[in-house]
Amino acid sequence: MPKQFLISIVDDDDFVREAIARQLKAYGYLTQTFESAASLLGSDARAQTDCLVVDMQMPGMTGLELYARLAAAGDPIPTILITAHPDENLRARALRAGVLCYLAKPCSGEELLECVRSALER
C-alpha cells in the first residue's frame, strides 16, 4: 500500500484552514490543522508531517519564523507559505531560507497542489 502523506495546515483563520484541508483531502492527502505555530510545535503530528502549509502572518509566530525554528532544530519540513499580504522582499527572503513556495491568498487549487507535489517529491 502506498504511503499516505500528511499535510499539516497552520493558519489562524478557521475558514482558510478548513478550506485548504478540504481541498487537499479531495486530492487524497491526509490533513491535520492547527490554529497556531505553537499548537503544531506541541503536537505529535509534527514528527509525522510530510509537508506544511503555513500562513505567513499569525499571532505569536509567523510562518517564516516557524520554518526557521524547525530548520534550526534539524527538522526542515518542506514548507509552503501563504499570505494575504504578498511582499516581494519577504518572498525572496523566505525562498532563500529554504521555503518551497510563497503563495498569495487566495491561491488557486492548482497552484497549491503543484507546490504540495513538489514538496513531497523531495
Protein backbone atom coordinates (compact mmCIF):
# COMPACT_ATOMS: atom_id res chain seq x y z
CA MET A 1 0.00 0.00 0.00
CA PRO A 2 1.49 3.39 -0.94
CA LYS A 3 2.33 5.83 1.83
CA GLN A 4 -0.34 8.39 2.59
CA PHE A 5 1.24 11.78 3.02
CA LEU A 6 0.30 14.02 5.94
CA ILE A 7 -0.07 17.71 5.17
CA SER A 8 -0.24 19.94 8.25
CA ILE A 9 -2.01 23.26 7.78
CA VAL A 10 -1.27 26.13 10.16
CA ASP A 11 -3.46 29.23 9.88
CA ASP A 12 -5.17 31.38 12.49
CA ASP A 13 -8.20 31.84 10.19
CA ASP A 14 -10.62 28.93 10.68
CA PHE A 15 -12.22 29.36 7.26
CA VAL A 16 -8.92 29.36 5.35
CA ARG A 17 -7.52 26.48 7.38
CA GLU A 18 -10.56 24.27 6.76
CA ALA A 19 -10.85 25.26 3.09
CA ILE A 20 -7.26 24.22 2.42
CA ALA A 21 -7.78 20.97 4.34
CA ARG A 22 -10.90 20.13 2.29
CA GLN A 23 -9.09 20.91 -0.94
CA LEU A 24 -6.12 18.67 -0.11
CA LYS A 25 -8.36 15.86 1.17
CA ALA A 26 -10.13 15.93 -2.20
CA TYR A 27 -6.76 15.04 -3.76
CA GLY A 28 -6.31 12.13 -1.36
CA TYR A 29 -3.97 13.66 1.19
CA LEU A 30 -4.30 13.24 4.94
CA THR A 31 -4.51 16.61 6.64
CA GLN A 32 -4.23 17.95 10.15
CA THR A 33 -5.00 21.53 11.04
CA PHE A 34 -3.54 23.86 13.64
CA GLU A 35 -4.59 27.35 14.67
CA SER A 36 -1.06 28.47 15.56
CA ALA A 37 2.60 27.62 15.21
CA ALA A 38 2.71 26.79 18.92
CA SER A 39 -0.09 24.23 18.56
CA LEU A 40 1.84 22.46 15.78
CA LEU A 41 5.10 22.55 17.74
CA GLY A 42 3.38 20.98 20.74
CA SER A 43 1.74 18.17 18.78
CA ASP A 44 2.78 14.65 17.87
CA ALA A 45 1.83 15.40 14.25
CA ARG A 46 4.98 17.46 13.80
CA ALA A 47 7.16 14.35 13.51
CA GLN A 48 4.76 12.74 11.02
CA THR A 49 4.20 15.79 8.81
CA ASP A 50 5.44 15.44 5.24
CA CYS A 51 4.58 19.00 4.17
CA LEU A 52 3.49 22.21 5.91
CA VAL A 53 1.11 24.81 4.53
CA VAL A 54 1.55 27.82 6.80
CA ASP A 55 0.08 31.30 6.97
CA MET A 56 2.76 33.96 6.94
CA GLN A 57 1.11 36.38 9.39
CA MET A 58 -0.12 34.81 12.62
CA PRO A 59 -0.13 35.99 16.22
CA GLY A 60 2.80 34.72 18.25
CA MET A 61 5.00 33.31 15.48
CA THR A 62 4.96 33.96 11.75
CA GLY A 63 5.11 31.18 9.20
CA LEU A 64 8.68 32.11 8.32
CA GLU A 65 9.69 32.07 11.99
CA LEU A 66 8.11 28.62 12.33
CA TYR A 67 10.06 27.35 9.34
CA ALA A 68 13.31 28.84 10.70
CA ARG A 69 12.71 27.22 14.08
CA LEU A 70 12.11 23.80 12.53
CA ALA A 71 15.17 24.15 10.29
CA ALA A 72 17.35 25.20 13.24
CA ALA A 73 16.17 22.11 15.13
CA GLY A 74 17.24 19.92 12.19
CA ASP A 75 13.66 19.30 11.11
CA PRO A 76 13.15 21.44 7.98
CA ILE A 77 9.75 20.11 6.91
CA PRO A 78 9.04 21.13 3.28
CA THR A 79 7.03 24.32 3.73
CA ILE A 80 4.61 26.36 1.65
CA LEU A 81 3.92 29.86 2.95
CA ILE A 82 0.62 31.55 2.14
CA THR A 83 -0.11 35.21 2.72
CA ALA A 84 -2.87 37.76 2.29
CA HIS A 85 -0.20 40.48 2.10
CA PRO A 86 2.36 39.47 -0.53
CA ASP A 87 5.69 41.23 -0.31
CA GLU A 88 8.49 40.59 -2.84
CA ASN A 89 11.29 41.21 -0.33
CA LEU A 90 9.74 38.79 2.15
CA ARG A 91 9.12 36.29 -0.63
CA ALA A 92 12.77 36.42 -1.66
CA ARG A 93 13.90 36.06 1.96
CA ALA A 94 11.60 33.07 2.52
CA LEU A 95 12.78 31.29 -0.63
CA ARG A 96 16.44 31.93 0.27
CA ALA A 97 15.76 30.43 3.72
CA GLY A 98 14.52 27.22 2.09
CA VAL A 99 10.74 27.64 1.90
CA LEU A 100 9.50 25.89 -1.25
CA CYS A 101 6.63 28.15 -2.27
CA TYR A 102 5.30 31.56 -1.29
CA LEU A 103 1.69 31.95 -2.44
CA ALA A 104 -0.71 34.88 -2.26
CA LYS A 105 -4.18 34.25 -0.80
CA PRO A 106 -6.42 33.21 -2.27
CA CYS A 107 -4.26 30.80 -4.21
CA SER A 108 -5.68 28.51 -6.84
CA GLY A 109 -6.09 24.83 -6.13
CA GLU A 110 -3.74 24.00 -8.98
CA GLU A 111 -1.06 26.31 -7.64
CA LEU A 112 -1.27 24.82 -4.14
CA LEU A 113 -1.36 21.26 -5.45
CA GLU A 114 1.71 21.87 -7.62
CA CYS A 115 3.61 23.16 -4.57
CA VAL A 116 2.49 20.23 -2.41
CA ARG A 117 3.52 17.72 -5.04
CA SER A 118 6.90 19.42 -5.38
CA ALA A 119 7.37 19.32 -1.61
CA LEU A 120 6.54 15.62 -1.43
CA GLU A 121 8.95 14.73 -4.25
CA ARG A 122 11.89 15.95 -2.15
